[in-house]
């Protein structure tokens, strides 16, 4: 499993705050960071700055991408010709990077079985 040099949560907060000061629209205040990669499967942390009730709040979520190319293109899923749907992105549960990494490892183990 390839662990990457991800930005720290503090660095992402600084980037998001700078984006906001630079006038980036609220819906675009998102920073993605690939935390780990194995065989084209990615663990991605998404940090956000959200405007709510008159103030900005930082948040984080985690995604497992089953296809690195689809991640690059921003394609979360698609319908196949027989009307079946394939999901390239699966949300993961975790309140921090360590918990998300554990969920990622468990999911990878299931995929390999």
C-alpha atoms as a PDB file:
ATOM      1  CA  UNK A   1       0.000   0.000   0.000  1.00  0.00           C
ATOM      2  CA  UNK A   2       1.397   3.341  -0.989  1.00  0.00           C
ATOM      3  CA  UNK A   3       1.081   6.010   1.673  1.00  0.00           C
ATOM      4  CA  UNK A   4       1.530   9.525   0.354  1.00  0.00           C
ATOM      5  CA  UNK A   5       2.770  12.712   1.906  1.00  0.00           C
ATOM      6  CA  UNK A   6      -0.616  14.293   2.450  1.00  0.00           C
ATOM      7  CA  UNK A   7      -1.137  17.830   3.606  1.00  0.00           C
ATOM      8  CA  UNK A   8      -1.885  18.253   7.281  1.00  0.00           C
ATOM      9  CA  UNK A   9      -5.360  19.283   8.380  1.00  0.00           C
ATOM     10  CA  UNK A  10      -3.913  22.678   9.382  1.00  0.00           C
ATOM     11  CA  UNK A  11      -2.364  23.151   5.913  1.00  0.00           C
ATOM     12  CA  UNK A  12      -5.688  22.344   4.275  1.00  0.00           C
ATOM     13  CA  UNK A  13      -7.477  24.841   6.539  1.00  0.00           C
ATOM     14  CA  UNK A  14      -4.970  27.512   5.495  1.00  0.00           C
ATOM     15  CA  UNK A  15      -5.477  26.681   1.816  1.00  0.00           C
ATOM     16  CA  UNK A  16      -9.268  26.796   2.162  1.00  0.00           C
ATOM     17  CA  UNK A  17      -9.161  30.098   4.044  1.00  0.00           C
ATOM     18  CA  UNK A  18      -6.887  31.581   1.356  1.00  0.00           C
ATOM     19  CA  UNK A  19      -9.259  30.311  -1.359  1.00  0.00           C
ATOM     20  CA  UNK A  20     -12.169  32.031   0.439  1.00  0.00           C
ATOM     21  CA  UNK A  21     -10.213  35.294   0.740  1.00  0.00           C
ATOM     22  CA  UNK A  22      -9.355  35.041  -2.967  1.00  0.00           C
ATOM     23  CA  UNK A  23     -13.066  34.994  -3.794  1.00  0.00           C
ATOM     24  CA  UNK A  24     -13.543  31.323  -4.663  1.00  0.00           C
ATOM     25  CA  UNK A  25     -17.302  30.609  -4.592  1.00  0.00           C
ATOM     26  CA  UNK A  26     -18.489  28.854  -1.417  1.00  0.00           C
ATOM     27  CA  UNK A  27     -19.518  25.683  -3.296  1.00  0.00           C
ATOM     28  CA  UNK A  28     -15.947  25.308  -4.590  1.00  0.00           C
ATOM     29  CA  UNK A  29     -14.197  25.549  -1.204  1.00  0.00           C
ATOM     30  CA  UNK A  30     -12.978  21.946  -1.324  1.00  0.00           C
ATOM     31  CA  UNK A  31      -9.448  20.493  -1.166  1.00  0.00           C
ATOM     32  CA  UNK A  32      -8.820  16.853  -2.105  1.00  0.00           C
ATOM     33  CA  UNK A  33      -5.803  14.977  -0.855  1.00  0.00           C
ATOM     34  CA  UNK A  34      -4.900  11.378  -1.732  1.00  0.00           C
ATOM     35  CA  UNK A  35      -3.876   9.668   1.504  1.00  0.00           C
ATOM     36  CA  UNK A  36      -3.139   6.202   0.119  1.00  0.00           C
ATOM     37  CA  UNK A  37      -3.144   4.231  -3.129  1.00  0.00           C
ATOM     38  CA  UNK A  38      -3.008   0.550  -3.929  1.00  0.00           C
ATOM     39  CA  UNK A  39      -3.487  -0.990  -7.380  1.00  0.00           C
ATOM     40  CA  UNK A  40      -5.303   2.114  -8.649  1.00  0.00           C
ATOM     41  CA  UNK A  41      -7.641   2.243  -5.634  1.00  0.00           C
ATOM     42  CA  UNK A  42      -7.448   5.524  -3.726  1.00  0.00           C
ATOM     43  CA  UNK A  43      -8.230   6.812  -0.248  1.00  0.00           C
ATOM     44  CA  UNK A  44      -9.101  10.495  -0.606  1.00  0.00           C
ATOM     45  CA  UNK A  45      -9.645  13.057   2.136  1.00  0.00           C
ATOM     46  CA  UNK A  46     -11.947  15.927   1.166  1.00  0.00           C
ATOM     47  CA  UNK A  47     -11.610  19.028   3.301  1.00  0.00           C
ATOM     48  CA  UNK A  48     -14.287  21.687   2.989  1.00  0.00           C
ATOM     49  CA  UNK A  49     -15.062  25.163   4.200  1.00  0.00           C
ATOM     50  CA  UNK A  50     -18.845  25.571   4.484  1.00  0.00           C
ATOM     51  CA  UNK A  51     -20.838  28.741   5.103  1.00  0.00           C
ATOM     52  CA  UNK A  52     -23.652  28.067   7.571  1.00  0.00           C
ATOM     53  CA  UNK A  53     -25.755  30.419   9.686  1.00  0.00           C
ATOM     54  CA  UNK A  54     -23.475  33.398   9.171  1.00  0.00           C
ATOM     55  CA  UNK A  55     -20.138  31.678   9.772  1.00  0.00           C
ATOM     56  CA  UNK A  56     -17.646  29.386   8.024  1.00  0.00           C
ATOM     57  CA  UNK A  57     -16.922  25.873   9.313  1.00  0.00           C
ATOM     58  CA  UNK A  58     -14.197  23.420   8.354  1.00  0.00           C
ATOM     59  CA  UNK A  59     -15.179  19.822   7.664  1.00  0.00           C
ATOM     60  CA  UNK A  60     -13.621  16.623   6.425  1.00  0.00           C
ATOM     61  CA  UNK A  61     -14.907  13.470   4.736  1.00  0.00           C
ATOM     62  CA  UNK A  62     -13.267  10.416   3.216  1.00  0.00           C
ATOM     63  CA  UNK A  63     -13.825   8.569  -0.059  1.00  0.00           C
ATOM     64  CA  UNK A  64     -12.537   5.330  -1.511  1.00  0.00           C
ATOM     65  CA  UNK A  65     -12.161   5.490  -5.278  1.00  0.00           C
ATOM     66  CA  UNK A  66     -12.040   2.156  -7.084  1.00  0.00           C
ATOM     67  CA  UNK A  67     -10.670   3.689 -10.280  1.00  0.00           C
ATOM     68  CA  UNK A  68      -7.948   6.356 -10.198  1.00  0.00           C
ATOM     69  CA  UNK A  69      -8.752   7.498 -13.737  1.00  0.00           C
ATOM     70  CA  UNK A  70     -12.407   8.107 -12.848  1.00  0.00           C
ATOM     71  CA  UNK A  71     -11.243  10.077  -9.792  1.00  0.00           C
ATOM     72  CA  UNK A  72      -9.108  12.282 -12.031  1.00  0.00           C
ATOM     73  CA  UNK A  73     -12.127  12.870 -14.280  1.00  0.00           C
ATOM     74  CA  UNK A  74     -14.509  13.425 -11.356  1.00  0.00           C
ATOM     75  CA  UNK A  75     -16.855  10.613 -12.448  1.00  0.00           C
ATOM     76  CA  UNK A  76     -18.469   9.191  -9.307  1.00  0.00           C
ATOM     77  CA  UNK A  77     -20.413   6.482 -11.131  1.00  0.00           C
ATOM     78  CA  UNK A  78     -22.236   5.688 -14.310  1.00  0.00           C
ATOM     79  CA  UNK A  79     -25.013   3.592 -15.777  1.00  0.00           C
ATOM     80  CA  UNK A  80     -24.068   0.670 -17.972  1.00  0.00           C
ATOM     81  CA  UNK A  81     -25.952  -0.354 -21.121  1.00  0.00           C
ATOM     82  CA  UNK A  82     -28.032  -2.944 -19.233  1.00  0.00           C
ATOM     83  CA  UNK A  83     -29.125  -0.173 -16.792  1.00  0.00           C
ATOM     84  CA  UNK A  84     -26.922  -1.479 -13.987  1.00  0.00           C
ATOM     85  CA  UNK A  85     -25.067   1.213 -12.103  1.00  0.00           C
ATOM     86  CA  UNK A  86     -21.392   1.110 -11.213  1.00  0.00           C
ATOM     87  CA  UNK A  87     -20.060   3.290  -8.392  1.00  0.00           C
ATOM     88  CA  UNK A  88     -16.412   4.332  -8.584  1.00  0.00           C
ATOM     89  CA  UNK A  89     -16.563   6.296  -5.319  1.00  0.00           C
ATOM     90  CA  UNK A  90     -17.648   4.966  -1.933  1.00  0.00           C
ATOM     91  CA  UNK A  91     -17.865   7.181   1.165  1.00  0.00           C
ATOM     92  CA  UNK A  92     -15.912   5.890   4.159  1.00  0.00           C
ATOM     93  CA  UNK A  93     -16.663   6.346   7.838  1.00  0.00           C
ATOM     94  CA  UNK A  94     -13.989   7.774  10.081  1.00  0.00           C
ATOM     95  CA  UNK A  95     -13.529  10.785  12.280  1.00  0.00           C
ATOM     96  CA  UNK A  96      -9.847  11.104  11.435  1.00  0.00           C
ATOM     97  CA  UNK A  97      -7.224   9.881   8.969  1.00  0.00           C
ATOM     98  CA  UNK A  98      -6.356   6.830  11.097  1.00  0.00           C
ATOM     99  CA  UNK A  99      -9.934   5.556  11.227  1.00  0.00           C
ATOM    100  CA  UNK A 100     -10.429   6.213   7.513  1.00  0.00           C
ATOM    101  CA  UNK A 101      -7.188   4.338   6.761  1.00  0.00           C
ATOM    102  CA  UNK A 102      -8.432   1.356   8.770  1.00  0.00           C
ATOM    103  CA  UNK A 103     -11.721   1.342   6.845  1.00  0.00           C
ATOM    104  CA  UNK A 104      -9.730   1.575   3.599  1.00  0.00           C
ATOM    105  CA  UNK A 105      -7.588  -1.436   4.585  1.00  0.00           C
ATOM    106  CA  UNK A 106     -10.681  -3.474   5.497  1.00  0.00           C
ATOM    107  CA  UNK A 107     -12.375  -2.600   2.203  1.00  0.00           C
ATOM    108  CA  UNK A 108      -9.242  -3.520   0.232  1.00  0.00           C
ATOM    109  CA  UNK A 109      -9.115  -6.886   2.010  1.00  0.00           C
ATOM    110  CA  UNK A 110     -12.731  -7.561   1.035  1.00  0.00           C
ATOM    111  CA  UNK A 111     -12.076  -6.608  -2.586  1.00  0.00           C
ATOM    112  CA  UNK A 112      -9.120  -8.996  -2.766  1.00  0.00           C
ATOM    113  CA  UNK A 113     -11.106 -11.965  -1.413  1.00  0.00           C
END
